């Protein structure tokens, strides 16, 4: 199959919050030889997966647990990564800057999905102009997760107060609990 050869070794990030659909997409791409990053169910997790890795293509759902994926799409587009929006929304739901991006409406046709990804990878890469920086990725949505992680870390850290030389009593399950 020609498509399999084109995807062999390509790094594709999948950002989808529907676990079953995400698993199917990832399995399909892996079966064709792609290296799949994900699935990422949130924009924060997606940015962590992307990091500084070289990505060849991205499959993005628009709505992820009540947030949108446009910050991640900006990050990828700024890196010259071709984007395919796989969503239940139509093209009018996309901001103007993404109206030229590939879009497949759900329910997804697997053959169409693969052929669109192959076509995106074959196209020459385009980047946003360096004069237009990519916007930050949903900082309002990241803050609660970061605050939670910091609060959890503080509770697990030993105290540094005047009694820090004493051993802290650890909780153990027992009949009195």
Protein backbone atom coordinates (compact mmCIF):
# COMPACT_ATOMS: atom_id res chain seq x y z
CA UNK A 1 0.00 0.00 0.00
CA UNK A 2 1.43 3.36 -1.05
CA UNK A 3 0.08 5.15 2.05
CA UNK A 4 1.90 2.80 4.41
CA UNK A 5 5.26 3.64 2.82
CA UNK A 6 4.57 7.36 3.15
CA UNK A 7 3.75 7.12 6.87
CA UNK A 8 6.59 4.78 7.80
CA UNK A 9 8.68 6.49 10.48
CA UNK A 10 6.66 9.71 10.43
CA UNK A 11 5.90 11.28 13.83
CA UNK A 12 2.22 12.09 14.18
CA UNK A 13 0.61 13.62 17.25
CA UNK A 14 -3.02 12.70 17.98
CA UNK A 15 -5.02 15.07 20.19
CA UNK A 16 -8.43 13.57 20.92
CA UNK A 17 -10.43 13.26 24.14
CA UNK A 18 -12.69 10.39 23.04
CA UNK A 19 -10.64 7.42 24.26
CA UNK A 20 -12.07 4.83 21.86
CA UNK A 21 -11.75 7.02 18.79
CA UNK A 22 -8.26 8.14 19.81
CA UNK A 23 -7.18 4.53 20.33
CA UNK A 24 -8.53 3.56 16.89
CA UNK A 25 -6.75 6.45 15.17
CA UNK A 26 -3.46 5.70 16.92
CA UNK A 27 -3.69 1.97 16.14
CA UNK A 28 -4.45 2.66 12.47
CA UNK A 29 -1.46 5.00 12.14
CA UNK A 30 0.89 2.64 14.02
CA UNK A 31 -0.21 -0.24 11.77
CA UNK A 32 0.93 1.88 8.81
CA UNK A 33 4.37 2.40 10.38
CA UNK A 34 3.93 5.86 11.89
CA UNK A 35 5.38 6.80 15.25
CA UNK A 36 2.35 8.10 17.14
CA UNK A 37 2.58 10.58 19.99
CA UNK A 38 -0.55 10.34 22.07
CA UNK A 39 -3.38 10.25 22.26
CA UNK A 40 -3.44 13.50 24.20
CA UNK A 41 -6.84 14.22 25.80
CA UNK A 42 -6.09 17.85 26.81
CA UNK A 43 -4.22 20.82 25.34
CA UNK A 44 -1.80 20.79 28.30
CA UNK A 45 -0.94 17.13 27.78
CA UNK A 46 -0.57 17.73 24.04
CA UNK A 47 1.98 20.52 24.57
CA UNK A 48 3.91 18.23 26.93
CA UNK A 49 3.96 15.49 24.27
CA UNK A 50 5.04 17.87 21.53
CA UNK A 51 7.76 19.57 23.53
CA UNK A 52 10.72 20.14 21.24
CA UNK A 53 10.14 17.01 19.18
CA UNK A 54 10.07 17.08 15.41
CA UNK A 55 6.48 16.39 14.39
CA UNK A 56 5.51 15.48 10.82
CA UNK A 57 1.71 15.88 11.15
CA UNK A 58 -1.05 16.39 13.71
CA UNK A 59 -4.61 15.13 14.06
CA UNK A 60 -6.57 17.48 16.34
CA UNK A 61 -10.09 17.45 17.72
CA UNK A 62 -11.40 21.00 18.27
CA UNK A 63 -13.14 20.51 21.64
CA UNK A 64 -11.29 18.75 24.44
CA UNK A 65 -13.10 18.45 27.76
CA UNK A 66 -14.66 21.90 27.46
CA UNK A 67 -11.59 23.70 26.09
CA UNK A 68 -10.42 24.21 22.54
CA UNK A 69 -7.27 23.05 20.81
CA UNK A 70 -6.40 26.27 18.97
CA UNK A 71 -3.42 27.12 21.20
CA UNK A 72 -1.87 23.74 20.37
CA UNK A 73 -2.71 24.28 16.69
CA UNK A 74 -0.94 27.66 16.81
CA UNK A 75 2.13 26.04 18.36
CA UNK A 76 2.21 23.32 15.69
CA UNK A 77 1.52 25.72 12.84
CA UNK A 78 4.34 27.98 14.04
CA UNK A 79 6.65 24.95 13.80
CA UNK A 80 5.47 24.24 10.26
CA UNK A 81 3.57 21.09 11.20
CA UNK A 82 0.61 20.28 8.93
CA UNK A 83 -2.66 20.03 10.89
CA UNK A 84 -5.77 17.96 10.28
CA UNK A 85 -8.80 18.89 12.35
CA UNK A 86 -10.88 15.74 12.97
CA UNK A 87 -14.04 17.06 14.57
CA UNK A 88 -17.82 17.12 14.72
CA UNK A 89 -17.72 20.87 13.94
CA UNK A 90 -17.76 22.34 10.45
CA UNK A 91 -15.18 24.69 8.95
CA UNK A 92 -17.08 27.76 10.24
CA UNK A 93 -16.10 26.79 13.81
CA UNK A 94 -12.43 27.34 12.94
CA UNK A 95 -10.79 30.72 13.51
CA UNK A 96 -9.88 32.48 10.26
CA UNK A 97 -6.19 31.56 10.64
CA UNK A 98 -7.09 27.85 10.32
CA UNK A 99 -9.71 28.03 7.56
CA UNK A 100 -7.22 26.60 5.06
CA UNK A 101 -6.26 23.67 7.31
CA UNK A 102 -7.43 20.16 6.47
CA UNK A 103 -10.70 19.18 8.14
CA UNK A 104 -12.57 15.89 8.39
CA UNK A 105 -15.96 15.76 10.06
CA UNK A 106 -16.88 12.96 12.44
CA UNK A 107 -17.69 10.15 12.15
CA UNK A 108 -14.30 9.65 10.54
CA UNK A 109 -13.73 7.60 7.44
CA UNK A 110 -10.43 5.81 8.18
CA UNK A 111 -9.31 5.65 4.54
CA UNK A 112 -9.99 9.36 4.11
CA UNK A 113 -8.11 10.10 7.34
CA UNK A 114 -5.02 8.21 6.20
CA UNK A 115 -5.07 9.66 2.68
CA UNK A 116 -5.43 13.21 4.07
CA UNK A 117 -2.50 12.71 6.46
CA UNK A 118 -0.37 11.34 3.61
CA UNK A 119 -1.33 14.31 1.41
CA UNK A 120 -0.44 16.75 4.23
CA UNK A 121 2.96 15.14 4.74
CA UNK A 122 3.72 15.33 1.01
CA UNK A 123 2.98 19.07 0.85
CA UNK A 124 5.88 21.45 1.47
CA UNK A 125 6.02 22.72 5.05
CA UNK A 126 4.88 26.27 5.76
CA UNK A 127 5.55 28.27 8.89
CA UNK A 128 3.92 31.34 10.33
CA UNK A 129 5.96 34.47 9.80
CA UNK A 130 8.49 35.07 12.54
CA UNK A 131 6.96 38.52 13.08
CA UNK A 132 3.78 36.89 14.39
CA UNK A 133 4.57 34.88 17.55
CA UNK A 134 2.34 31.95 18.44
CA UNK A 135 -0.05 32.78 21.27
CA UNK A 136 0.38 31.10 24.62
CA UNK A 137 -1.44 27.79 25.00
CA UNK A 138 -4.50 28.20 27.20
CA UNK A 139 -2.77 29.51 30.35
CA UNK A 140 -6.10 29.77 32.16
CA UNK A 141 -6.60 26.02 31.77
CA UNK A 142 -3.04 25.13 32.78
CA UNK A 143 -3.05 27.07 36.03
CA UNK A 144 -5.43 24.78 37.98
CA UNK A 145 -3.39 21.70 37.10
CA UNK A 146 -0.14 23.42 38.01
CA UNK A 147 -1.58 24.76 41.25
CA UNK A 148 -2.82 21.30 42.17
CA UNK A 149 0.58 19.74 41.43
CA UNK A 150 2.37 22.36 43.53
CA UNK A 151 -0.06 21.92 46.43
CA UNK A 152 0.37 18.15 46.28
CA UNK A 153 4.16 18.50 46.24
CA UNK A 154 4.02 20.75 49.32
CA UNK A 155 2.02 18.17 51.25
CA UNK A 156 4.47 15.42 50.37
CA UNK A 157 7.56 17.46 51.25
CA UNK A 158 8.89 17.10 54.81
CA UNK A 159 8.39 20.12 57.04
CA UNK A 160 11.30 22.53 57.51
CA UNK A 161 10.01 24.13 60.69
CA UNK A 162 11.57 24.07 64.18
CA UNK A 163 10.50 20.43 64.66
CA UNK A 164 11.86 19.21 61.32
CA UNK A 165 14.37 16.96 63.06
CA UNK A 166 11.49 14.83 64.37
CA UNK A 167 10.21 12.01 62.22
CA UNK A 168 6.83 12.66 60.75
CA UNK A 169 4.22 10.05 61.49
CA UNK A 170 3.13 8.32 58.33
CA UNK A 171 -0.44 7.33 57.79
CA UNK A 172 -1.07 3.61 57.70
CA UNK A 173 -4.39 1.95 57.10
CA UNK A 174 -5.75 0.28 60.17
CA UNK A 175 -8.94 -0.48 62.05
CA UNK A 176 -9.15 3.02 63.55
CA UNK A 177 -9.15 4.68 60.11
